[in-house]
Amino acid sequence: MIGFDDAASKALLEYHWPGNLRQMKNAVRRATLLAQDQLITLKELTELQQITHSHVGLPLRNEETEKHQIIEALRQTGNNKSRAAQLLGIDRKTLYNKLKLYNIEN
């Protein structure tokens, strides 16, 4: 990992960061885990991507999207729930609750 592409850099600079440094640190950490190339893109900055693509101040949450993100995080971590929770930016208990909610078995 050597940095961010232009769109990701712009999004990082323009985002208001209501959670301040902690939120930014978590977003960058999650993006680093998701990144498959040398540069982090908006694709990996999911929190900023939702803000950028919706022209309102609140990200739109979709249960199907969330379910897909959980399944993908579990796939990427070899079903390691602790690492998947870190990747998603949630705690392990929340992940277990969402696995039950969405009937995701692994």
PDB file of N, CA and C in Angstrom:
ATOM      1  N   MET A   1       0.845  -1.164   0.000  1.00  0.00           N
ATOM      2  CA  MET A   1       0.000   0.000   0.000  1.00  0.00           C
ATOM      3  C   MET A   1       0.895   1.234   0.000  1.00  0.00           C
ATOM      4  N   ILE A   2       0.684   2.095  -0.987  1.00  0.00           N
ATOM      5  CA  ILE A   2       1.515   3.300  -1.039  1.00  0.00           C
ATOM      6  C   ILE A   2       0.720   4.587  -0.930  1.00  0.00           C
ATOM      7  N   GLY A   3      -0.607   4.529  -0.896  1.00  0.00           N
ATOM      8  CA  GLY A   3      -1.377   5.760  -0.755  1.00  0.00           C
ATOM      9  C   GLY A   3      -2.782   5.663  -1.292  1.00  0.00           C
ATOM     10  N   PHE A   4      -3.312   6.818  -1.688  1.00  0.00           N
ATOM     11  CA  PHE A   4      -4.691   6.941  -2.139  1.00  0.00           C
ATOM     12  C   PHE A   4      -4.717   7.465  -3.568  1.00  0.00           C
ATOM     13  N   ASP A   5      -5.702   7.028  -4.357  1.00  0.00           N
ATOM     14  CA  ASP A   5      -5.838   7.615  -5.691  1.00  0.00           C
ATOM     15  C   ASP A   5      -6.465   9.009  -5.543  1.00  0.00           C
ATOM     16  N   ASP A   6      -6.564   9.753  -6.644  1.00  0.00           N
ATOM     17  CA  ASP A   6      -7.032  11.144  -6.589  1.00  0.00           C
ATOM     18  C   ASP A   6      -8.438  11.275  -6.014  1.00  0.00           C
ATOM     19  N   ALA A   7      -9.348  10.405  -6.445  1.00  0.00           N
ATOM     20  CA  ALA A   7     -10.739  10.494  -5.971  1.00  0.00           C
ATOM     21  C   ALA A   7     -10.827  10.204  -4.474  1.00  0.00           C
ATOM     22  N   ALA A   8     -10.073   9.217  -4.004  1.00  0.00           N
ATOM     23  CA  ALA A   8     -10.083   8.875  -2.583  1.00  0.00           C
ATOM     24  C   ALA A   8      -9.474  10.007  -1.756  1.00  0.00           C
ATOM     25  N   SER A   9      -8.387  10.583  -2.239  1.00  0.00           N
ATOM     26  CA  SER A   9      -7.759  11.715  -1.529  1.00  0.00           C
ATOM     27  C   SER A   9      -8.723  12.889  -1.412  1.00  0.00           C
ATOM     28  N   LYS A  10      -9.398  13.193  -2.510  1.00  0.00           N
ATOM     29  CA  LYS A  10     -10.353  14.303  -2.515  1.00  0.00           C
ATOM     30  C   LYS A  10     -11.491  14.029  -1.533  1.00  0.00           C
ATOM     31  N   ALA A  11     -12.009  12.809  -1.540  1.00  0.00           N
ATOM     32  CA  ALA A  11     -13.103  12.451  -0.637  1.00  0.00           C
ATOM     33  C   ALA A  11     -12.663  12.547   0.825  1.00  0.00           C
ATOM     34  N   LEU A  12     -11.444  12.095   1.127  1.00  0.00           N
ATOM     35  CA  LEU A  12     -10.934  12.185   2.498  1.00  0.00           C
ATOM     36  C   LEU A  12     -10.835  13.636   2.957  1.00  0.00           C
ATOM     37  N   LEU A  13     -10.400  14.495   2.068  1.00  0.00           N
ATOM     38  CA  LEU A  13     -10.241  15.910   2.417  1.00  0.00           C
ATOM     39  C   LEU A  13     -11.577  16.638   2.533  1.00  0.00           C
ATOM     40  N   GLU A  14     -12.556  16.250   1.733  1.00  0.00           N
ATOM     41  CA  GLU A  14     -13.837  16.955   1.715  1.00  0.00           C
ATOM     42  C   GLU A  14     -14.835  16.443   2.752  1.00  0.00           C
ATOM     43  N   TYR A  15     -14.633  15.229   3.248  1.00  0.00           N
ATOM     44  CA  TYR A  15     -15.563  14.659   4.223  1.00  0.00           C
ATOM     45  C   TYR A  15     -15.449  15.419   5.543  1.00  0.00           C
ATOM     46  N   HIS A  16     -16.556  15.629   6.241  1.00  0.00           N
ATOM     47  CA  HIS A  16     -16.571  16.449   7.451  1.00  0.00           C
ATOM     48  C   HIS A  16     -16.115  15.714   8.713  1.00  0.00           C
ATOM     49  N   TRP A  17     -16.014  14.423   8.696  1.00  0.00           N
ATOM     50  CA  TRP A  17     -15.530  13.604   9.817  1.00  0.00           C
ATOM     51  C   TRP A  17     -16.222  13.944  11.134  1.00  0.00           C
ATOM     52  N   PRO A  18     -17.525  13.633  11.239  1.00  0.00           N
ATOM     53  CA  PRO A  18     -18.217  13.913  12.499  1.00  0.00           C
ATOM     54  C   PRO A  18     -17.648  13.106  13.671  1.00  0.00           C
ATOM     55  N   GLY A  19     -17.008  11.977  13.371  1.00  0.00           N
ATOM     56  CA  GLY A  19     -16.397  11.173  14.432  1.00  0.00           C
ATOM     57  C   GLY A  19     -14.944  11.538  14.655  1.00  0.00           C
ATOM     58  N   ASN A  20     -14.483  12.602  13.990  1.00  0.00           N
ATOM     59  CA  ASN A  20     -13.133  13.128  14.129  1.00  0.00           C
ATOM     60  C   ASN A  20     -12.060  12.098  13.790  1.00  0.00           C
ATOM     61  N   LEU A  21     -10.937  12.164  14.473  1.00  0.00           N
ATOM     62  CA  LEU A  21      -9.772  11.355  14.152  1.00  0.00           C
ATOM     63  C   LEU A  21     -10.056   9.858  14.261  1.00  0.00           C
ATOM     64  N   ARG A  22     -10.817   9.463  15.249  1.00  0.00           N
ATOM     65  CA  ARG A  22     -11.113   8.044  15.442  1.00  0.00           C
ATOM     66  C   ARG A  22     -11.861   7.474  14.235  1.00  0.00           C
ATOM     67  N   GLN A  23     -12.840   8.214  13.746  1.00  0.00           N
ATOM     68  CA  GLN A  23     -13.607   7.762  12.584  1.00  0.00           C
ATOM     69  C   GLN A  23     -12.707   7.668  11.350  1.00  0.00           C
ATOM     70  N   MET A  24     -11.860   8.676  11.146  1.00  0.00           N
ATOM     71  CA  MET A  24     -10.966   8.669   9.998  1.00  0.00           C
ATOM     72  C   MET A  24      -9.979   7.502  10.094  1.00  0.00           C
ATOM     73  N   LYS A  25      -9.432   7.279  11.266  1.00  0.00           N
ATOM     74  CA  LYS A  25      -8.485   6.177  11.473  1.00  0.00           C
ATOM     75  C   LYS A  25      -9.148   4.835  11.146  1.00  0.00           C
ATOM     76  N   ASN A  26     -10.373   4.641  11.606  1.00  0.00           N
ATOM     77  CA  ASN A  26     -11.094   3.391  11.332  1.00  0.00           C
ATOM     78  C   ASN A  26     -11.393   3.231   9.843  1.00  0.00           C
ATOM     79  N   ALA A  27     -11.776   4.320   9.189  1.00  0.00           N
ATOM     80  CA  ALA A  27     -12.071   4.264   7.751  1.00  0.00           C
ATOM     81  C   ALA A  27     -10.829   3.900   6.950  1.00  0.00           C
ATOM     82  N   VAL A  28      -9.689   4.491   7.297  1.00  0.00           N
ATOM     83  CA  VAL A  28      -8.438   4.201   6.592  1.00  0.00           C
ATOM     84  C   VAL A  28      -7.981   2.771   6.882  1.00  0.00           C
ATOM     85  N   ARG A  29      -8.116   2.338   8.112  1.00  0.00           N
ATOM     86  CA  ARG A  29      -7.731   0.966   8.474  1.00  0.00           C
ATOM     87  C   ARG A  29      -8.566  -0.049   7.686  1.00  0.00           C
ATOM     88  N   ARG A  30      -9.880   0.183   7.633  1.00  0.00           N
ATOM     89  CA  ARG A  30     -10.780  -0.706   6.905  1.00  0.00           C
ATOM     90  C   ARG A  30     -10.435  -0.706   5.412  1.00  0.00           C
ATOM     91  N   ALA A  31     -10.180   0.476   4.857  1.00  0.00           N
ATOM     92  CA  ALA A  31      -9.828   0.584   3.443  1.00  0.00           C
ATOM     93  C   ALA A  31      -8.517  -0.142   3.148  1.00  0.00           C
ATOM     94  N   THR A  32      -7.571  -0.058   4.061  1.00  0.00           N
ATOM     95  CA  THR A  32      -6.284  -0.746   3.888  1.00  0.00           C
ATOM     96  C   THR A  32      -6.492  -2.253   3.823  1.00  0.00           C
ATOM     97  N   LEU A  33      -7.375  -2.767   4.667  1.00  0.00           N
ATOM     98  CA  LEU A  33      -7.653  -4.204   4.657  1.00  0.00           C
ATOM     99  C   LEU A  33      -8.379  -4.636   3.385  1.00  0.00           C
ATOM    100  N   LEU A  34      -9.229  -3.762   2.860  1.00  0.00           N
ATOM    101  CA  LEU A  34     -10.001  -4.088   1.660  1.00  0.00           C
ATOM    102  C   LEU A  34      -9.219  -3.911   0.362  1.00  0.00           C
ATOM    103  N   ALA A  35      -8.221  -3.035   0.372  1.00  0.00           N
ATOM    104  CA  ALA A  35      -7.494  -2.680  -0.850  1.00  0.00           C
ATOM    105  C   ALA A  35      -6.784  -3.882  -1.453  1.00  0.00           C
ATOM    106  N   GLN A  36      -6.895  -4.005  -2.766  1.00  0.00           N
ATOM    107  CA  GLN A  36      -6.255  -5.108  -3.469  1.00  0.00           C
ATOM    108  C   GLN A  36      -5.142  -4.628  -4.386  1.00  0.00           C
ATOM    109  N   ASP A  37      -5.015  -3.317  -4.547  1.00  0.00           N
ATOM    110  CA  ASP A  37      -3.961  -2.734  -5.366  1.00  0.00           C
ATOM    111  C   ASP A  37      -3.065  -1.891  -4.472  1.00  0.00           C
ATOM    112  N   GLN A  38      -2.125  -1.179  -5.097  1.00  0.00           N
ATOM    113  CA  GLN A  38      -1.214  -0.343  -4.322  1.00  0.00           C
ATOM    114  C   GLN A  38      -1.865   0.935  -3.821  1.00  0.00           C
ATOM    115  N   LEU A  39      -2.922   1.383  -4.492  1.00  0.00           N
ATOM    116  CA  LEU A  39      -3.610   2.605  -4.081  1.00  0.00           C
ATOM    117  C   LEU A  39      -4.992   2.297  -3.539  1.00  0.00           C
ATOM    118  N   ILE A  40      -5.368   2.988  -2.475  1.00  0.00           N
ATOM    119  CA  ILE A  40      -6.719   2.889  -1.941  1.00  0.00           C
ATOM    120  C   ILE A  40      -7.613   3.766  -2.815  1.00  0.00           C
ATOM    121  N   THR A  41      -8.764   3.218  -3.206  1.00  0.00           N
ATOM    122  CA  THR A  41      -9.710   3.949  -4.042  1.00  0.00           C
ATOM    123  C   THR A  41     -10.998   4.216  -3.262  1.00  0.00           C
ATOM    124  N   LEU A  42     -11.918   4.941  -3.880  1.00  0.00           N
ATOM    125  CA  LEU A  42     -13.218   5.169  -3.251  1.00  0.00           C
ATOM    126  C   LEU A  42     -13.954   3.860  -2.993  1.00  0.00           C
ATOM    127  N   LYS A  43     -13.663   2.858  -3.807  1.00  0.00           N
ATOM    128  CA  LYS A  43     -14.299   1.551  -3.639  1.00  0.00           C
ATOM    129  C   LYS A  43     -14.036   0.999  -2.238  1.00  0.00           C
ATOM    130  N   GLU A  44     -12.828   1.191  -1.740  1.00  0.00           N
ATOM    131  CA  GLU A  44     -12.488   0.684  -0.407  1.00  0.00           C
ATOM    132  C   GLU A  44     -12.955   1.618   0.716  1.00  0.00           C
ATOM    133  N   LEU A  45     -13.143   2.865   0.410  1.00  0.00           N
ATOM    134  CA  LEU A  45     -13.621   3.825   1.406  1.00  0.00           C
ATOM    135  C   LEU A  45     -15.144   3.837   1.386  1.00  0.00           C
ATOM    136  N   THR A  46     -15.733   2.720   1.791  1.00  0.00           N
ATOM    137  CA  THR A  46     -17.181   2.525   1.667  1.00  0.00           C
ATOM    138  C   THR A  46     -17.976   3.606   2.380  1.00  0.00           C
ATOM    139  N   GLU A  47     -17.523   4.050   3.528  1.00  0.00           N
ATOM    140  CA  GLU A  47     -18.241   5.077   4.270  1.00  0.00           C
ATOM    141  C   GLU A  47     -18.304   6.376   3.466  1.00  0.00           C
ATOM    142  N   LEU A  48     -17.202   6.743   2.849  1.00  0.00           N
ATOM    143  CA  LEU A  48     -17.156   7.970   2.056  1.00  0.00           C
ATOM    144  C   LEU A  48     -17.871   7.785   0.726  1.00  0.00           C
ATOM    145  N   GLN A  49     -17.812   6.590   0.192  1.00  0.00           N
ATOM    146  CA  GLN A  49     -18.459   6.301  -1.084  1.00  0.00           C
ATOM    147  C   GLN A  49     -19.962   6.519  -0.965  1.00  0.00           C
ATOM    148  N   GLN A  50     -20.545   6.090   0.138  1.00  0.00           N
ATOM    149  CA  GLN A  50     -21.982   6.275   0.333  1.00  0.00           C
ATOM    150  C   GLN A  50     -22.329   7.748   0.417  1.00  0.00           C
ATOM    151  N   ILE A  51     -21.508   8.521   1.098  1.00  0.00           N
ATOM    152  CA  ILE A  51     -21.741   9.958   1.210  1.00  0.00           C
ATOM    153  C   ILE A  51     -21.592  10.621  -0.144  1.00  0.00           C
ATOM    154  N   THR A  52     -20.552  10.269  -0.874  1.00  0.00           N
ATOM    155  CA  THR A  52     -20.266  10.888  -2.164  1.00  0.00           C
ATOM    156  C   THR A  52     -21.372  10.618  -3.168  1.00  0.00           C
ATOM    157  N   HIS A  53     -21.921   9.404  -3.167  1.00  0.00           N
ATOM    158  CA  HIS A  53     -22.918   9.044  -4.161  1.00  0.00           C
ATOM    159  C   HIS A  53     -24.337   9.434  -3.781  1.00  0.00           C
ATOM    160  N   SER A  54     -24.566   9.739  -2.517  1.00  0.00           N
ATOM    161  CA  SER A  54     -25.875  10.244  -2.151  1.00  0.00           C
ATOM    162  C   SER A  54     -25.701  11.737  -1.912  1.00  0.00           C
ATOM    163  N   HIS A  55     -26.572  12.525  -2.413  1.00  0.00           N
ATOM    164  CA  HIS A  55     -26.408  13.967  -2.334  1.00  0.00           C
ATOM    165  C   HIS A  55     -27.069  14.540  -1.086  1.00  0.00           C
ATOM    166  N   VAL A  56     -27.190  13.721  -0.062  1.00  0.00           N
ATOM    167  CA  VAL A  56     -27.714  14.175   1.217  1.00  0.00           C
ATOM    168  C   VAL A  56     -26.646  13.954   2.269  1.00  0.00           C
ATOM    169  N   GLY A  57     -26.856  14.458   3.467  1.00  0.00           N
ATOM    170  CA  GLY A  57     -25.852  14.371   4.515  1.00  0.00           C
ATOM    171  C   GLY A  57     -25.767  13.023   5.202  1.00  0.00           C
ATOM    172  N   LEU A  58     -26.727  12.150   4.993  1.00  0.00           N
ATOM    173  CA  LEU A  58     -26.724  10.866   5.676  1.00  0.00           C
ATOM    174  C   LEU A  58     -26.546   9.729   4.674  1.00  0.00           C
ATOM    175  N   PRO A  59     -25.682   8.748   5.004  1.00  0.00           N
ATOM    176  CA  PRO A  59     -25.520   7.626   4.093  1.00  0.00           C
ATOM    177  C   PRO A  59     -26.783   6.771   4.078  1.00  0.00           C
ATOM    178  N   LEU A  60     -27.115   6.257   2.920  1.00  0.00           N
ATOM    179  CA  LEU A  60     -28.264   5.379   2.804  1.00  0.00           C
ATOM    180  C   LEU A  60     -27.823   3.963   3.134  1.00  0.00           C
ATOM    181  N   ARG A  61     -28.521   3.320   4.034  1.00  0.00           N
ATOM    182  CA  ARG A  61     -28.192   1.953   4.433  1.00  0.00           C
ATOM    183  C   ARG A  61     -29.202   1.022   3.776  1.00  0.00           C
ATOM    184  N   ASN A  62     -28.727  -0.078   3.278  1.00  0.00           N
ATOM    185  CA  ASN A  62     -29.559  -1.037   2.598  1.00  0.00           C
ATOM    186  C   ASN A  62     -29.241  -2.401   3.188  1.00  0.00           C
ATOM    187  N   GLU A  63     -30.249  -3.113   3.650  1.00  0.00           N
ATOM    188  CA  GLU A  63     -30.021  -4.402   4.297  1.00  0.00           C
ATOM    189  C   GLU A  63     -29.321  -5.389   3.368  1.00  0.00           C
ATOM    190  N   GLU A  64     -29.701  -5.408   2.098  1.00  0.00           N
ATOM    191  CA  GLU A  64     -29.090  -6.343   1.157  1.00  0.00           C
ATOM    192  C   GLU A  64     -27.614  -6.008   0.954  1.00  0.00           C
ATOM    193  N   THR A  65     -27.297  -4.723   0.882  1.00  0.00           N
ATOM    194  CA  THR A  65     -25.906  -4.293   0.741  1.00  0.00           C
ATOM    195  C   THR A  65     -25.112  -4.674   1.986  1.00  0.00           C
ATOM    196  N   GLU A  66     -25.681  -4.431   3.151  1.00  0.00           N
ATOM    197  CA  GLU A  66     -25.009  -4.772   4.400  1.00  0.00           C
ATOM    198  C   GLU A  66     -24.763  -6.279   4.487  1.00  0.00           C
ATOM    199  N   LYS A  67     -25.762  -7.057   4.115  1.00  0.00           N
ATOM    200  CA  LYS A  67     -25.613  -8.519   4.137  1.00  0.00           C
ATOM    201  C   LYS A  67     -24.481  -8.940   3.202  1.00  0.00           C
ATOM    202  N   HIS A  68     -24.449  -8.355   2.007  1.00  0.00           N
ATOM    203  CA  HIS A  68     -23.392  -8.679   1.047  1.00  0.00           C
ATOM    204  C   HIS A  68     -22.014  -8.303   1.603  1.00  0.00           C
ATOM    205  N   GLN A  69     -21.914  -7.132   2.256  1.00  0.00           N
ATOM    206  CA  GLN A  69     -20.641  -6.694   2.819  1.00  0.00           C
ATOM    207  C   GLN A  69     -20.169  -7.645   3.918  1.00  0.00           C
ATOM    208  N   ILE A  70     -21.088  -8.138   4.718  1.00  0.00           N
ATOM    209  CA  ILE A  70     -20.734  -9.091   5.780  1.00  0.00           C
ATOM    210  C   ILE A  70     -20.226 -10.390   5.173  1.00  0.00           C
ATOM    211  N   ILE A  71     -20.939 -10.904   4.179  1.00  0.00           N
ATOM    212  CA  ILE A  71     -20.530 -12.141   3.510  1.00  0.00           C
ATOM    213  C   ILE A  71     -19.157 -11.975   2.870  1.00  0.00           C
ATOM    214  N   GLU A  72     -18.924 -10.821   2.222  1.00  0.00           N
ATOM    215  CA  GLU A  72     -17.636 -10.556   1.576  1.00  0.00           C
ATOM    216  C   GLU A  72     -16.514 -10.440   2.607  1.00  0.00           C
ATOM    217  N   ALA A  73     -16.778  -9.799   3.730  1.00  0.00           N
ATOM    218  CA  ALA A  73     -15.763  -9.674   4.784  1.00  0.00           C
ATOM    219  C   ALA A  73     -15.409 -11.050   5.344  1.00  0.00           C
ATOM    220  N   LEU A  74     -16.407 -11.888   5.531  1.00  0.00           N
ATOM    221  CA  LEU A  74     -16.149 -13.247   6.016  1.00  0.00           C
ATOM    222  C   LEU A  74     -15.342 -14.052   4.989  1.00  0.00           C
ATOM    223  N   ARG A  75     -15.661 -13.875   3.715  1.00  0.00           N
ATOM    224  CA  ARG A  75     -14.920 -14.565   2.665  1.00  0.00           C
ATOM    225  C   ARG A  75     -13.456 -14.123   2.661  1.00  0.00           C
ATOM    226  N   GLN A  76     -13.239 -12.812   2.733  1.00  0.00           N
ATOM    227  CA  GLN A  76     -11.888 -12.271   2.674  1.00  0.00           C
ATOM    228  C   GLN A  76     -11.039 -12.672   3.877  1.00  0.00           C
ATOM    229  N   THR A  77     -11.684 -12.920   4.997  1.00  0.00           N
ATOM    230  CA  THR A  77     -10.943 -13.262   6.214  1.00  0.00           C
ATOM    231  C   THR A  77     -10.967 -14.757   6.511  1.00  0.00           C
ATOM    232  N   GLY A  78     -11.430 -15.544   5.562  1.00  0.00           N
ATOM    233  CA  GLY A  78     -11.493 -16.989   5.789  1.00  0.00           C
ATOM    234  C   GLY A  78     -12.426 -17.356   6.921  1.00  0.00           C
ATOM    235  N   ASN A  79     -13.541 -16.638   7.028  1.00  0.00           N
ATOM    236  CA  ASN A  79     -14.565 -16.824   8.063  1.00  0.00           C
ATOM    237  C   ASN A  79     -14.081 -16.519   9.477  1.00  0.00           C
ATOM    238  N   ASN A  80     -13.013 -15.749   9.600  1.00  0.00           N
ATOM    239  CA  ASN A  80     -12.543 -15.302  10.909  1.00  0.00           C
ATOM    240  C   ASN A  80     -13.433 -14.136  11.337  1.00  0.00           C
ATOM    241  N   LYS A  81     -14.308 -14.391  12.292  1.00  0.00           N
ATOM    242  CA  LYS A  81     -15.309 -13.391  12.671  1.00  0.00           C
ATOM    243  C   LYS A  81     -14.691 -12.165  13.334  1.00  0.00           C
ATOM    244  N   SER A  82     -13.633 -12.339  14.100  1.00  0.00           N
ATOM    245  CA  SER A  82     -12.980 -11.190  14.727  1.00  0.00           C
ATOM    246  C   SER A  82     -12.389 -10.266  13.675  1.00  0.00           C
ATOM    247  N   ARG A  83     -11.682 -10.828  12.702  1.00  0.00           N
ATOM    248  CA  ARG A  83     -11.080 -10.018  11.634  1.00  0.00           C
ATOM    249  C   ARG A  83     -12.156  -9.421  10.731  1.00  0.00           C
ATOM    250  N   ALA A  84     -13.226 -10.191  10.468  1.00  0.00           N
ATOM    251  CA  ALA A  84     -14.316  -9.666   9.635  1.00  0.00           C
ATOM    252  C   ALA A  84     -14.977  -8.475  10.318  1.00  0.00           C
ATOM    253  N   ALA A  85     -15.181  -8.557  11.621  1.00  0.00           N
ATOM    254  CA  ALA A  85     -15.772  -7.442  12.357  1.00  0.00           C
ATOM    255  C   ALA A  85     -14.869  -6.212  12.270  1.00  0.00           C
ATOM    256  N   GLN A  86     -13.558  -6.403  12.417  1.00  0.00           N
ATOM    257  CA  GLN A  86     -12.609  -5.289  12.276  1.00  0.00           C
ATOM    258  C   GLN A  86     -12.696  -4.678  10.889  1.00  0.00           C
ATOM    259  N   LEU A  87     -12.736  -5.534   9.891  1.00  0.00           N
ATOM    260  CA  LEU A  87     -12.806  -5.082   8.508  1.00  0.00           C
ATOM    261  C   LEU A  87     -14.061  -4.238   8.263  1.00  0.00           C
ATOM    262  N   LEU A  88     -15.150  -4.623   8.894  1.00  0.00           N
ATOM    263  CA  LEU A  88     -16.427  -3.920   8.735  1.00  0.00           C
ATOM    264  C   LEU A  88     -16.550  -2.698   9.642  1.00  0.00           C
ATOM    265  N   GLY A  89     -15.629  -2.584  10.599  1.00  0.00           N
ATOM    266  CA  GLY A  89     -15.679  -1.445  11.515  1.00  0.00           C
ATOM    267  C   GLY A  89     -16.743  -1.586  12.590  1.00  0.00           C
ATOM    268  N   ILE A  90     -17.047  -2.833  12.960  1.00  0.00           N
ATOM    269  CA  ILE A  90     -18.029  -3.096  14.017  1.00  0.00           C
ATOM    270  C   ILE A  90     -17.406  -4.048  15.028  1.00  0.00           C
ATOM    271  N   ASP A  91     -18.018  -4.162  16.208  1.00  0.00           N
ATOM    272  CA  ASP A  91     -17.464  -5.117  17.162  1.00  0.00           C
ATOM    273  C   ASP A  91     -18.014  -6.516  16.878  1.00  0.00           C
ATOM    274  N   ARG A  92     -17.367  -7.502  17.468  1.00  0.00           N
ATOM    275  CA  ARG A  92     -17.706  -8.898  17.180  1.00  0.00           C
ATOM    276  C   ARG A  92     -19.141  -9.233  17.577  1.00  0.00           C
ATOM    277  N   LYS A  93     -19.605  -8.693  18.698  1.00  0.00           N
ATOM    278  CA  LYS A  93     -20.978  -8.951  19.145  1.00  0.00           C
ATOM    279  C   LYS A  93     -21.983  -8.423  18.114  1.00  0.00           C
ATOM    280  N   THR A  94     -21.721  -7.240  17.562  1.00  0.00           N
ATOM    281  CA  THR A  94     -22.596  -6.686  16.532  1.00  0.00           C
ATOM    282  C   THR A  94     -22.596  -7.586  15.307  1.00  0.00           C
ATOM    283  N   LEU A  95     -21.420  -8.093  14.939  1.00  0.00           N
ATOM    284  CA  LEU A  95     -21.350  -9.005  13.796  1.00  0.00           C
ATOM    285  C   LEU A  95     -22.204 -10.243  14.051  1.00  0.00           C
ATOM    286  N   TYR A  96     -22.081 -10.843  15.233  1.00  0.00           N
ATOM    287  CA  TYR A  96     -22.885 -12.023  15.548  1.00  0.00           C
ATOM    288  C   TYR A  96     -24.379 -11.703  15.483  1.00  0.00           C
ATOM    289  N   ASN A  97     -24.776 -10.528  15.972  1.00  0.00           N
ATOM    290  CA  ASN A  97     -26.188 -10.136  15.907  1.00  0.00           C
ATOM    291  C   ASN A  97     -26.654 -10.000  14.463  1.00  0.00           C
ATOM    292  N   LYS A  98     -25.808  -9.438  13.610  1.00  0.00           N
ATOM    293  CA  LYS A  98     -26.171  -9.269  12.198  1.00  0.00           C
ATOM    294  C   LYS A  98     -26.177 -10.613  11.466  1.00  0.00           C
ATOM    295  N   LEU A  99     -25.275 -11.521  11.826  1.00  0.00           N
ATOM    296  CA  LEU A  99     -25.297 -12.858  11.234  1.00  0.00           C
ATOM    297  C   LEU A  99     -26.625 -13.539  11.531  1.00  0.00           C
ATOM    298  N   LYS A 100     -27.091 -13.385  12.761  1.00  0.00           N
ATOM    299  CA  LYS A 100     -28.373 -13.970  13.153  1.00  0.00           C
ATOM    300  C   LYS A 100     -29.529 -13.262  12.434  1.00  0.00           C
ATOM    301  N   LEU A 101     -29.487 -11.930  12.382  1.00  0.00           N
ATOM    302  CA  LEU A 101     -30.527 -11.140  11.744  1.00  0.00           C
ATOM    303  C   LEU A 101     -30.703 -11.522  10.290  1.00  0.00           C
ATOM    304  N   TYR A 102     -29.594 -11.686   9.560  1.00  0.00           N
ATOM    305  CA  TYR A 102     -29.634 -11.979   8.128  1.00  0.00           C
ATOM    306  C   TYR A 102     -29.569 -13.471   7.821  1.00  0.00           C
ATOM    307  N   ASN A 103     -29.617 -14.300   8.844  1.00  0.00           N
ATOM    308  CA  ASN A 103     -29.554 -15.761   8.675  1.00  0.00           C
ATOM    309  C   ASN A 103     -28.329 -16.180   7.849  1.00  0.00           C
ATOM    310  N   ILE A 104     -27.195 -15.626   8.193  1.00  0.00           N
ATOM    311  CA  ILE A 104     -25.949 -15.980   7.506  1.00  0.00           C
ATOM    312  C   ILE A 104     -25.273 -17.071   8.320  1.00  0.00           C
ATOM    313  N   GLU A 105     -25.103 -18.199   7.686  1.00  0.00           N
ATOM    314  CA  GLU A 105     -24.439 -19.332   8.352  1.00  0.00           C
ATOM    315  C   GLU A 105     -23.131 -19.615   7.642  1.00  0.00           C
ATOM    316  N   ASN A 106     -22.127 -19.955   8.423  1.00  0.00           N
ATOM    317  CA  ASN A 106     -20.835 -20.318   7.813  1.00  0.00           C
ATOM    318  C   ASN A 106     -20.120 -21.290   8.693  1.00  0.00           C
TER     319      ASN A 106
END
